[in-house]
Amino acid sequence: MAATMRAAVYRAFAGPITIEEVPRPSAPAGGVLLRVKASGVCRSDYHGWKGYDSDVAEHGLPFTPGHELSGVVAQIGAGTTKFQVGDRVAVPFILSCGSCRQCGRNRPTICEAQAQPGFTMPGSFAEFVAIPRADRNLSLLPPKVSFVQAAALGCRMTTAYRAVIQQGRVQPGETVAVFGCGGL
């Protein structure tokens, strides 16, 4: 595997996004290196690029956006047990830790130590992305689910799940009306 990869990078908020050769990351302990096969574009990516998102600002520039992704496991980090090289996977927008108070309350979408590709770490507008906490967060893709379909799920499903299940506490048999849904 080459030591570099291509990635979309911006070096100033609201500045040009260019395709550059950058160092290829390695699989972190407990994580995987993912060869990106599909990546969505979300209004949140625009907010990060404009400098409106504090996570991107705190990470610092230069930066690679992208948080809606799916791909193929290219490398396994030490301690990762549920996945192997070649697995097709989907990645959620929020990579929860599994050990904070919110995760203990089964509320991983508001994990107190969450990692977010494209916000707290380099994102999926690249050939590869290092994904921590793989065993907890990644999902194997069924053969009939395409990479494009899977990339569309990570952010949209997390947002909808939190709104309907955790905040709305909707129960079976109840009716819900949605008026305007932003970028979803």
N, C-alpha and C. Protein backbone atom coordinates (compact mmCIF):
# COMPACT_ATOMS: atom_id res chain seq x y z
N MET A 1 0.85 -1.18 0.00
CA MET A 1 0.00 0.00 0.00
C MET A 1 0.90 1.24 0.00
N ALA A 2 0.54 2.21 -0.80
CA ALA A 2 1.33 3.43 -0.91
C ALA A 2 1.33 4.21 0.40
N ALA A 3 2.35 5.01 0.59
CA ALA A 3 2.47 5.81 1.81
C ALA A 3 1.65 7.09 1.74
N THR A 4 1.16 7.44 0.55
CA THR A 4 0.35 8.64 0.39
C THR A 4 -0.97 8.29 -0.26
N MET A 5 -1.88 9.25 -0.25
CA MET A 5 -3.20 9.09 -0.87
C MET A 5 -3.67 10.46 -1.34
N ARG A 6 -4.70 10.47 -2.15
CA ARG A 6 -5.32 11.72 -2.56
C ARG A 6 -6.45 12.06 -1.59
N ALA A 7 -6.57 13.35 -1.29
CA ALA A 7 -7.64 13.82 -0.41
C ALA A 7 -8.03 15.24 -0.80
N ALA A 8 -9.28 15.58 -0.55
CA ALA A 8 -9.75 16.95 -0.72
C ALA A 8 -9.39 17.70 0.56
N VAL A 9 -8.70 18.82 0.41
CA VAL A 9 -8.18 19.54 1.57
C VAL A 9 -8.49 21.03 1.43
N TYR A 10 -8.90 21.63 2.55
CA TYR A 10 -8.94 23.10 2.57
C TYR A 10 -7.98 23.60 3.64
N ARG A 11 -7.33 24.71 3.31
CA ARG A 11 -6.29 25.27 4.17
C ARG A 11 -6.72 26.58 4.82
N ALA A 12 -7.90 27.05 4.47
CA ALA A 12 -8.47 28.25 5.08
C ALA A 12 -9.98 28.08 5.08
N PHE A 13 -10.64 28.54 6.13
CA PHE A 13 -12.10 28.47 6.16
C PHE A 13 -12.66 29.28 5.00
N ALA A 14 -13.59 28.68 4.28
CA ALA A 14 -14.22 29.26 3.10
C ALA A 14 -13.23 29.42 1.94
N GLY A 15 -12.07 28.79 2.04
CA GLY A 15 -11.06 28.86 0.99
C GLY A 15 -11.23 27.74 -0.02
N PRO A 16 -10.36 27.70 -1.01
CA PRO A 16 -10.45 26.65 -2.02
C PRO A 16 -10.26 25.26 -1.42
N ILE A 17 -10.94 24.30 -2.01
CA ILE A 17 -10.75 22.89 -1.67
C ILE A 17 -9.98 22.28 -2.83
N THR A 18 -8.82 21.73 -2.53
CA THR A 18 -7.96 21.19 -3.58
C THR A 18 -7.70 19.70 -3.32
N ILE A 19 -7.42 18.99 -4.40
CA ILE A 19 -7.05 17.58 -4.29
C ILE A 19 -5.53 17.54 -4.14
N GLU A 20 -5.08 16.93 -3.04
CA GLU A 20 -3.66 16.91 -2.71
C GLU A 20 -3.21 15.50 -2.38
N GLU A 21 -1.92 15.26 -2.52
CA GLU A 21 -1.29 14.04 -2.03
C GLU A 21 -0.96 14.29 -0.56
N VAL A 22 -1.48 13.45 0.30
CA VAL A 22 -1.26 13.58 1.75
C VAL A 22 -0.81 12.23 2.29
N PRO A 23 -0.21 12.19 3.48
CA PRO A 23 0.16 10.90 4.06
C PRO A 23 -1.07 10.02 4.29
N ARG A 24 -0.96 8.75 3.94
CA ARG A 24 -2.03 7.80 4.18
C ARG A 24 -2.00 7.42 5.66
N PRO A 25 -3.15 7.48 6.35
CA PRO A 25 -3.14 7.07 7.76
C PRO A 25 -3.02 5.56 7.88
N SER A 26 -2.79 5.11 9.10
CA SER A 26 -2.78 3.69 9.42
C SER A 26 -3.97 3.38 10.31
N ALA A 27 -4.31 2.12 10.40
CA ALA A 27 -5.41 1.71 11.28
C ALA A 27 -5.00 1.97 12.73
N PRO A 28 -5.83 2.69 13.48
CA PRO A 28 -5.52 2.92 14.90
C PRO A 28 -5.80 1.67 15.72
N ALA A 29 -5.23 1.57 16.88
CA ALA A 29 -5.56 0.47 17.80
C ALA A 29 -7.07 0.49 18.04
N GLY A 30 -7.69 -0.66 17.93
CA GLY A 30 -9.14 -0.75 18.12
C GLY A 30 -9.93 -0.28 16.91
N GLY A 31 -9.25 0.06 15.84
CA GLY A 31 -9.94 0.60 14.67
C GLY A 31 -9.53 -0.08 13.39
N VAL A 32 -9.90 0.57 12.28
CA VAL A 32 -9.56 0.06 10.96
C VAL A 32 -9.12 1.21 10.06
N LEU A 33 -8.42 0.86 9.01
CA LEU A 33 -8.19 1.78 7.91
C LEU A 33 -9.20 1.40 6.84
N LEU A 34 -10.00 2.36 6.43
CA LEU A 34 -11.06 2.11 5.48
C LEU A 34 -10.72 2.72 4.13
N ARG A 35 -10.82 1.91 3.06
CA ARG A 35 -10.73 2.44 1.70
C ARG A 35 -12.13 2.97 1.38
N VAL A 36 -12.24 4.28 1.21
CA VAL A 36 -13.53 4.92 0.99
C VAL A 36 -14.06 4.54 -0.40
N LYS A 37 -15.28 4.02 -0.44
CA LYS A 37 -15.93 3.66 -1.69
C LYS A 37 -17.05 4.63 -2.06
N ALA A 38 -17.65 5.28 -1.05
CA ALA A 38 -18.69 6.28 -1.29
C ALA A 38 -18.68 7.27 -0.14
N SER A 39 -18.92 8.53 -0.49
CA SER A 39 -18.98 9.59 0.52
C SER A 39 -20.04 10.59 0.11
N GLY A 40 -20.93 10.91 1.02
CA GLY A 40 -21.96 11.89 0.75
C GLY A 40 -21.45 13.29 1.03
N VAL A 41 -22.23 14.27 0.58
CA VAL A 41 -21.96 15.68 0.88
C VAL A 41 -23.17 16.19 1.64
N CYS A 42 -22.93 16.83 2.77
CA CYS A 42 -23.99 17.26 3.67
C CYS A 42 -23.83 18.76 3.96
N ARG A 43 -24.91 19.37 4.33
CA ARG A 43 -24.85 20.78 4.72
C ARG A 43 -23.87 21.00 5.87
N SER A 44 -23.72 20.00 6.73
CA SER A 44 -22.76 20.11 7.83
C SER A 44 -21.33 20.25 7.32
N ASP A 45 -21.01 19.63 6.17
CA ASP A 45 -19.68 19.80 5.57
C ASP A 45 -19.47 21.26 5.19
N TYR A 46 -20.50 21.89 4.68
CA TYR A 46 -20.44 23.32 4.35
C TYR A 46 -20.17 24.15 5.61
N HIS A 47 -20.87 23.82 6.70
CA HIS A 47 -20.67 24.57 7.95
C HIS A 47 -19.23 24.42 8.44
N GLY A 48 -18.67 23.21 8.36
CA GLY A 48 -17.28 23.02 8.75
C GLY A 48 -16.33 23.82 7.88
N TRP A 49 -16.53 23.78 6.56
CA TRP A 49 -15.69 24.50 5.62
C TRP A 49 -15.75 26.01 5.86
N LYS A 50 -16.92 26.51 6.21
CA LYS A 50 -17.07 27.95 6.47
C LYS A 50 -16.45 28.37 7.81
N GLY A 51 -16.13 27.38 8.68
CA GLY A 51 -15.57 27.70 9.99
C GLY A 51 -16.62 27.84 11.07
N TYR A 52 -17.86 27.44 10.78
CA TYR A 52 -18.96 27.57 11.73
C TYR A 52 -19.01 26.45 12.75
N ASP A 53 -18.28 25.36 12.53
CA ASP A 53 -18.32 24.22 13.43
C ASP A 53 -17.10 24.23 14.34
N SER A 54 -17.33 24.26 15.65
CA SER A 54 -16.22 24.38 16.60
C SER A 54 -15.29 23.16 16.58
N ASP A 55 -15.82 21.97 16.25
CA ASP A 55 -14.96 20.79 16.20
C ASP A 55 -13.89 20.93 15.12
N VAL A 56 -14.29 21.41 13.95
CA VAL A 56 -13.32 21.59 12.87
C VAL A 56 -12.33 22.68 13.25
N ALA A 57 -12.83 23.77 13.82
CA ALA A 57 -11.95 24.86 14.23
C ALA A 57 -10.93 24.38 15.26
N GLU A 58 -11.39 23.57 16.23
CA GLU A 58 -10.47 23.05 17.25
C GLU A 58 -9.47 22.06 16.66
N HIS A 59 -9.88 21.27 15.66
CA HIS A 59 -8.96 20.33 15.02
C HIS A 59 -7.84 21.10 14.35
N GLY A 60 -8.21 22.18 13.68
CA GLY A 60 -7.22 23.00 12.99
C GLY A 60 -7.10 22.66 11.52
N LEU A 61 -6.47 23.57 10.81
CA LEU A 61 -6.28 23.45 9.38
C LEU A 61 -4.85 23.04 9.08
N PRO A 62 -4.59 22.43 7.95
CA PRO A 62 -5.52 22.04 6.89
C PRO A 62 -6.44 20.93 7.34
N PHE A 63 -7.54 20.73 6.57
CA PHE A 63 -8.54 19.76 6.99
C PHE A 63 -9.17 19.07 5.79
N THR A 64 -9.53 17.80 5.99
CA THR A 64 -10.26 17.00 5.00
C THR A 64 -11.65 16.73 5.53
N PRO A 65 -12.69 17.24 4.86
CA PRO A 65 -14.06 17.02 5.32
C PRO A 65 -14.60 15.66 4.90
N GLY A 66 -15.87 15.41 5.26
CA GLY A 66 -16.59 14.21 4.85
C GLY A 66 -16.94 13.31 6.01
N HIS A 67 -18.24 13.12 6.24
CA HIS A 67 -18.67 12.29 7.37
C HIS A 67 -19.74 11.27 7.01
N GLU A 68 -20.18 11.24 5.77
CA GLU A 68 -21.15 10.25 5.32
C GLU A 68 -20.39 9.28 4.43
N LEU A 69 -20.08 8.06 4.94
CA LEU A 69 -19.18 7.21 4.18
C LEU A 69 -19.44 5.73 4.36
N SER A 70 -18.94 4.99 3.41
CA SER A 70 -18.88 3.54 3.47
C SER A 70 -17.64 3.11 2.70
N GLY A 71 -17.22 1.88 2.93
CA GLY A 71 -16.03 1.43 2.24
C GLY A 71 -15.65 0.01 2.56
N VAL A 72 -14.40 -0.31 2.25
CA VAL A 72 -13.86 -1.65 2.44
C VAL A 72 -12.70 -1.57 3.43
N VAL A 73 -12.70 -2.45 4.40
CA VAL A 73 -11.62 -2.49 5.38
C VAL A 73 -10.33 -2.86 4.66
N ALA A 74 -9.32 -1.99 4.79
CA ALA A 74 -8.03 -2.19 4.13
C ALA A 74 -6.94 -2.64 5.11
N GLN A 75 -7.14 -2.33 6.39
CA GLN A 75 -6.14 -2.66 7.40
C GLN A 75 -6.84 -2.74 8.75
N ILE A 76 -6.38 -3.65 9.60
CA ILE A 76 -6.97 -3.85 10.93
C ILE A 76 -6.00 -3.36 11.99
N GLY A 77 -6.51 -2.56 12.93
CA GLY A 77 -5.69 -2.12 14.05
C GLY A 77 -5.66 -3.16 15.16
N ALA A 78 -4.62 -3.10 15.97
CA ALA A 78 -4.48 -4.03 17.10
C ALA A 78 -5.72 -3.98 17.98
N GLY A 79 -6.23 -5.14 18.35
CA GLY A 79 -7.37 -5.22 19.24
C GLY A 79 -8.72 -5.22 18.55
N THR A 80 -8.76 -5.00 17.26
CA THR A 80 -10.02 -5.05 16.53
C THR A 80 -10.33 -6.50 16.22
N THR A 81 -11.54 -6.96 16.60
CA THR A 81 -11.84 -8.39 16.48
C THR A 81 -13.03 -8.72 15.58
N LYS A 82 -13.93 -7.77 15.31
CA LYS A 82 -15.16 -8.08 14.59
C LYS A 82 -15.05 -7.94 13.07
N PHE A 83 -13.95 -7.41 12.59
CA PHE A 83 -13.82 -7.13 11.16
C PHE A 83 -12.52 -7.70 10.62
N GLN A 84 -12.49 -7.88 9.30
CA GLN A 84 -11.29 -8.34 8.65
C GLN A 84 -11.09 -7.59 7.35
N VAL A 85 -9.88 -7.63 6.85
CA VAL A 85 -9.56 -6.96 5.59
C VAL A 85 -10.52 -7.49 4.52
N GLY A 86 -11.07 -6.57 3.75
CA GLY A 86 -12.01 -6.93 2.68
C GLY A 86 -13.46 -6.78 3.05
N ASP A 87 -13.79 -6.63 4.33
CA ASP A 87 -15.18 -6.45 4.74
C ASP A 87 -15.74 -5.14 4.19
N ARG A 88 -16.97 -5.21 3.72
CA ARG A 88 -17.71 -4.02 3.28
C ARG A 88 -18.45 -3.47 4.49
N VAL A 89 -18.25 -2.18 4.81
CA VAL A 89 -18.84 -1.63 6.04
C VAL A 89 -19.45 -0.25 5.83
N ALA A 90 -20.38 0.07 6.71
CA ALA A 90 -20.95 1.41 6.81
C ALA A 90 -20.42 2.04 8.10
N VAL A 91 -20.28 3.36 8.08
CA VAL A 91 -19.74 4.10 9.22
C VAL A 91 -20.78 5.11 9.69
N PRO A 92 -21.12 5.12 10.98
CA PRO A 92 -22.05 6.14 11.46
C PRO A 92 -21.34 7.48 11.59
N PHE A 93 -22.12 8.54 11.62
CA PHE A 93 -21.56 9.89 11.78
C PHE A 93 -20.88 10.03 13.13
N ILE A 94 -21.46 9.45 14.16
CA ILE A 94 -20.90 9.57 15.51
C ILE A 94 -20.30 8.23 15.92
N LEU A 95 -19.00 8.25 16.19
CA LEU A 95 -18.30 7.07 16.68
C LEU A 95 -18.27 7.16 18.20
N SER A 96 -19.19 6.44 18.83
CA SER A 96 -19.32 6.54 20.29
C SER A 96 -18.25 5.73 21.00
N CYS A 97 -18.02 6.10 22.27
CA CYS A 97 -16.94 5.47 23.05
C CYS A 97 -17.36 4.20 23.77
N GLY A 98 -18.64 4.12 24.16
CA GLY A 98 -19.12 2.95 24.86
C GLY A 98 -18.91 2.97 26.36
N SER A 99 -18.23 3.98 26.89
CA SER A 99 -17.95 3.95 28.32
C SER A 99 -18.36 5.22 29.07
N CYS A 100 -18.85 6.23 28.38
CA CYS A 100 -19.26 7.46 29.07
C CYS A 100 -20.67 7.30 29.64
N ARG A 101 -21.11 8.30 30.36
CA ARG A 101 -22.43 8.29 30.98
C ARG A 101 -23.54 8.13 29.94
N GLN A 102 -23.46 8.87 28.83
CA GLN A 102 -24.50 8.80 27.81
C GLN A 102 -24.53 7.44 27.11
N CYS A 103 -23.36 6.90 26.81
CA CYS A 103 -23.32 5.56 26.21
C CYS A 103 -23.89 4.53 27.18
N GLY A 104 -23.62 4.68 28.48
CA GLY A 104 -24.16 3.79 29.50
C GLY A 104 -25.67 3.88 29.60
N ARG A 105 -26.23 5.00 29.17
CA ARG A 105 -27.69 5.18 29.16
C ARG A 105 -28.29 4.82 27.81
N ASN A 106 -27.50 4.13 26.97
CA ASN A 106 -27.90 3.74 25.61
C ASN A 106 -28.25 4.95 24.75
N ARG A 107 -27.44 6.00 24.87
CA ARG A 107 -27.62 7.22 24.09
C ARG A 107 -26.32 7.55 23.36
N PRO A 108 -25.86 6.63 22.49
CA PRO A 108 -24.57 6.82 21.84
C PRO A 108 -24.53 8.01 20.89
N THR A 109 -25.69 8.48 20.46
CA THR A 109 -25.68 9.62 19.54
C THR A 109 -25.29 10.93 20.22
N ILE A 110 -25.25 10.92 21.55
CA ILE A 110 -24.76 12.10 22.27
C ILE A 110 -23.61 11.71 23.20
N CYS A 111 -22.82 10.75 22.74
CA CYS A 111 -21.63 10.30 23.47
C CYS A 111 -20.79 11.50 23.89
N GLU A 112 -20.33 11.47 25.12
CA GLU A 112 -19.53 12.58 25.66
C GLU A 112 -18.10 12.59 25.13
N ALA A 113 -17.67 11.50 24.52
CA ALA A 113 -16.31 11.41 23.97
C ALA A 113 -16.36 10.97 22.51
N GLN A 114 -17.36 11.45 21.80
CA GLN A 114 -17.55 11.02 20.42
C GLN A 114 -16.43 11.50 19.51
N ALA A 115 -16.17 10.69 18.50
CA ALA A 115 -15.28 11.05 17.39
C ALA A 115 -16.16 11.15 16.16
N GLN A 116 -15.85 12.08 15.27
CA GLN A 116 -16.66 12.30 14.08
C GLN A 116 -15.75 12.49 12.87
N PRO A 117 -15.73 11.52 11.96
CA PRO A 117 -14.97 11.76 10.73
C PRO A 117 -15.45 13.05 10.07
N GLY A 118 -14.53 13.85 9.61
CA GLY A 118 -14.90 15.10 8.95
C GLY A 118 -15.16 16.25 9.89
N PHE A 119 -15.03 16.02 11.21
CA PHE A 119 -15.22 17.09 12.18
C PHE A 119 -14.14 17.06 13.26
N THR A 120 -14.05 15.99 14.00
CA THR A 120 -13.01 15.90 15.04
C THR A 120 -11.75 15.21 14.52
N MET A 121 -11.83 14.70 13.30
CA MET A 121 -10.72 13.97 12.69
C MET A 121 -10.87 14.08 11.17
N PRO A 122 -9.80 13.84 10.42
CA PRO A 122 -9.91 13.92 8.96
C PRO A 122 -11.03 13.00 8.45
N GLY A 123 -11.71 13.49 7.40
CA GLY A 123 -12.89 12.80 6.93
C GLY A 123 -12.74 12.02 5.65
N SER A 124 -13.88 11.74 5.04
CA SER A 124 -13.99 10.77 3.96
C SER A 124 -13.83 11.33 2.55
N PHE A 125 -13.51 12.60 2.40
CA PHE A 125 -13.22 13.11 1.07
C PHE A 125 -11.77 12.77 0.75
N ALA A 126 -11.47 11.50 0.86
CA ALA A 126 -10.11 10.98 0.71
C ALA A 126 -10.20 9.53 0.25
N GLU A 127 -9.08 9.00 -0.19
CA GLU A 127 -9.06 7.59 -0.60
C GLU A 127 -9.16 6.65 0.60
N PHE A 128 -8.60 7.06 1.73
CA PHE A 128 -8.61 6.25 2.95
C PHE A 128 -8.95 7.13 4.14
N VAL A 129 -9.55 6.53 5.17
CA VAL A 129 -9.79 7.23 6.42
C VAL A 129 -9.57 6.24 7.57
N ALA A 130 -8.91 6.70 8.62
CA ALA A 130 -8.69 5.88 9.81
C ALA A 130 -9.92 6.00 10.69
N ILE A 131 -10.51 4.86 11.04
CA ILE A 131 -11.73 4.84 11.84
C ILE A 131 -11.44 4.18 13.18
N PRO A 132 -11.52 4.93 14.29
CA PRO A 132 -11.33 4.33 15.62
C PRO A 132 -12.60 3.60 16.07
N ARG A 133 -12.47 2.81 17.12
CA ARG A 133 -13.63 2.17 17.77
C ARG A 133 -14.46 1.33 16.81
N ALA A 134 -13.78 0.62 15.93
CA ALA A 134 -14.46 -0.11 14.87
C ALA A 134 -15.45 -1.15 15.39
N ASP A 135 -15.03 -1.97 16.34
CA ASP A 135 -15.91 -3.04 16.81
C ASP A 135 -17.22 -2.50 17.36
N ARG A 136 -17.20 -1.35 17.96
CA ARG A 136 -18.41 -0.76 18.54
C ARG A 136 -19.29 -0.09 17.49
N ASN A 137 -18.70 0.48 16.46
CA ASN A 137 -19.45 1.39 15.60
C ASN A 137 -19.70 0.96 14.17
N LEU A 138 -18.84 0.20 13.57
CA LEU A 138 -19.04 -0.16 12.17
C LEU A 138 -20.10 -1.23 12.02
N SER A 139 -20.72 -1.27 10.85
CA SER A 139 -21.71 -2.29 10.53
C SER A 139 -21.35 -2.93 9.20
N LEU A 140 -21.41 -4.26 9.16
CA LEU A 140 -21.20 -4.97 7.91
C LEU A 140 -22.35 -4.67 6.95
N LEU A 141 -22.02 -4.51 5.68
CA LEU A 141 -23.05 -4.26 4.68
C LEU A 141 -23.57 -5.57 4.09
N PRO A 142 -24.88 -5.74 4.06
CA PRO A 142 -25.42 -6.89 3.34
C PRO A 142 -25.06 -6.77 1.86
N PRO A 143 -24.91 -7.88 1.16
CA PRO A 143 -24.51 -7.84 -0.25
C PRO A 143 -25.40 -6.97 -1.13
N LYS A 144 -26.69 -6.87 -0.82
CA LYS A 144 -27.61 -6.10 -1.67
C LYS A 144 -27.58 -4.60 -1.40
N VAL A 145 -26.87 -4.16 -0.37
CA VAL A 145 -26.79 -2.73 -0.06
C VAL A 145 -25.53 -2.17 -0.73
N SER A 146 -25.72 -1.16 -1.58
CA SER A 146 -24.58 -0.57 -2.29
C SER A 146 -23.81 0.37 -1.36
N PHE A 147 -22.60 0.69 -1.76
CA PHE A 147 -21.80 1.64 -0.99
C PHE A 147 -22.47 3.00 -0.95
N VAL A 148 -23.07 3.42 -2.06
CA VAL A 148 -23.76 4.71 -2.10
C VAL A 148 -24.94 4.72 -1.14
N GLN A 149 -25.73 3.66 -1.14
CA GLN A 149 -26.86 3.58 -0.20
C GLN A 149 -26.37 3.62 1.24
N ALA A 150 -25.31 2.89 1.53
CA ALA A 150 -24.79 2.84 2.90
C ALA A 150 -24.24 4.19 3.34
N ALA A 151 -23.55 4.90 2.46
CA ALA A 151 -23.00 6.21 2.82
C ALA A 151 -24.11 7.19 3.18
N ALA A 152 -25.27 7.02 2.56
CA ALA A 152 -26.39 7.92 2.82
C ALA A 152 -27.03 7.67 4.18
N LEU A 153 -26.73 6.56 4.82
CA LEU A 153 -27.39 6.21 6.08
C LEU A 153 -26.73 6.80 7.32
N GLY A 154 -25.42 6.91 7.35
CA GLY A 154 -24.69 7.23 8.58
C GLY A 154 -25.13 8.48 9.30
N CYS A 155 -25.27 9.57 8.59
CA CYS A 155 -25.68 10.84 9.22
C CYS A 155 -27.20 10.93 9.30
N ARG A 156 -27.86 10.63 8.21
CA ARG A 156 -29.33 10.75 8.17
C ARG A 156 -30.00 9.85 9.20
N MET A 157 -29.55 8.61 9.29
CA MET A 157 -30.17 7.68 10.24
C MET A 157 -29.88 8.08 11.69
N THR A 158 -28.67 8.52 11.96
CA THR A 158 -28.33 8.95 13.32
C THR A 158 -29.19 10.13 13.73
N THR A 159 -29.35 11.09 12.82
CA THR A 159 -30.15 12.28 13.11
C THR A 159 -31.62 11.89 13.33
N ALA A 160 -32.16 11.10 12.44
CA ALA A 160 -33.56 10.70 12.55
C ALA A 160 -33.80 9.84 13.79
N TYR A 161 -32.89 8.91 14.06
CA TYR A 161 -33.02 8.04 15.24
C TYR A 161 -33.10 8.87 16.51
N ARG A 162 -32.16 9.81 16.67
CA ARG A 162 -32.16 10.63 17.87
C ARG A 162 -33.45 11.45 17.97
N ALA A 163 -33.91 12.01 16.86
CA ALA A 163 -35.12 12.83 16.87
C ALA A 163 -36.36 12.01 17.22
N VAL A 164 -36.51 10.88 16.59
CA VAL A 164 -37.74 10.10 16.76
C VAL A 164 -37.72 9.22 18.01
N ILE A 165 -36.64 8.50 18.22
CA ILE A 165 -36.60 7.52 19.31
C ILE A 165 -36.17 8.16 20.63
N GLN A 166 -35.06 8.88 20.62
CA GLN A 166 -34.53 9.40 21.89
C GLN A 166 -35.22 10.67 22.34
N GLN A 167 -35.45 11.61 21.46
CA GLN A 167 -36.08 12.87 21.86
C GLN A 167 -37.61 12.75 21.86
N GLY A 168 -38.17 12.22 20.77
CA GLY A 168 -39.62 12.12 20.64
C GLY A 168 -40.22 10.96 21.41
N ARG A 169 -39.40 9.96 21.69
CA ARG A 169 -39.86 8.76 22.41
C ARG A 169 -41.11 8.15 21.77
N VAL A 170 -41.12 8.13 20.45
CA VAL A 170 -42.26 7.59 19.71
C VAL A 170 -42.35 6.09 19.97
N GLN A 171 -43.57 5.63 20.21
CA GLN A 171 -43.85 4.22 20.51
C GLN A 171 -44.60 3.58 19.34
N PRO A 172 -44.52 2.26 19.21
CA PRO A 172 -45.28 1.58 18.15
C PRO A 172 -46.75 1.95 18.22
N GLY A 173 -47.33 2.20 17.04
CA GLY A 173 -48.74 2.55 16.95
C GLY A 173 -49.00 4.05 16.98
N GLU A 174 -48.01 4.85 17.38
CA GLU A 174 -48.18 6.30 17.40
C GLU A 174 -47.95 6.86 15.99
N THR A 175 -48.53 8.03 15.73
CA THR A 175 -48.37 8.69 14.44
C THR A 175 -47.51 9.92 14.61
N VAL A 176 -46.64 10.14 13.64
CA VAL A 176 -45.73 11.27 13.68
C VAL A 176 -45.88 12.06 12.39
N ALA A 177 -45.94 13.38 12.48
CA ALA A 177 -45.92 14.24 11.31
C ALA A 177 -44.62 15.04 11.32
N VAL A 178 -43.93 15.08 10.21
CA VAL A 178 -42.66 15.81 10.10
C VAL A 178 -42.89 16.99 9.17
N PHE A 179 -42.64 18.19 9.67
CA PHE A 179 -42.77 19.41 8.90
C PHE A 179 -41.40 20.01 8.69
N GLY A 180 -40.85 19.87 7.50
CA GLY A 180 -39.52 20.38 7.21
C GLY A 180 -38.49 19.52 7.88
N CYS A 181 -37.48 19.16 7.14
CA CYS A 181 -36.47 18.29 7.73
C CYS A 181 -35.06 18.73 7.35
N GLY A 182 -34.90 20.01 7.09
CA GLY A 182 -33.56 20.53 6.83
C GLY A 182 -32.89 19.82 5.68
N GLY A 183 -31.63 19.46 5.90
CA GLY A 183 -30.85 18.83 4.84
C GLY A 183 -31.08 17.36 4.71
N LEU A 184 -31.98 16.76 5.48
CA LEU A 184 -32.18 15.31 5.40
C LEU A 184 -32.90 14.91 4.14
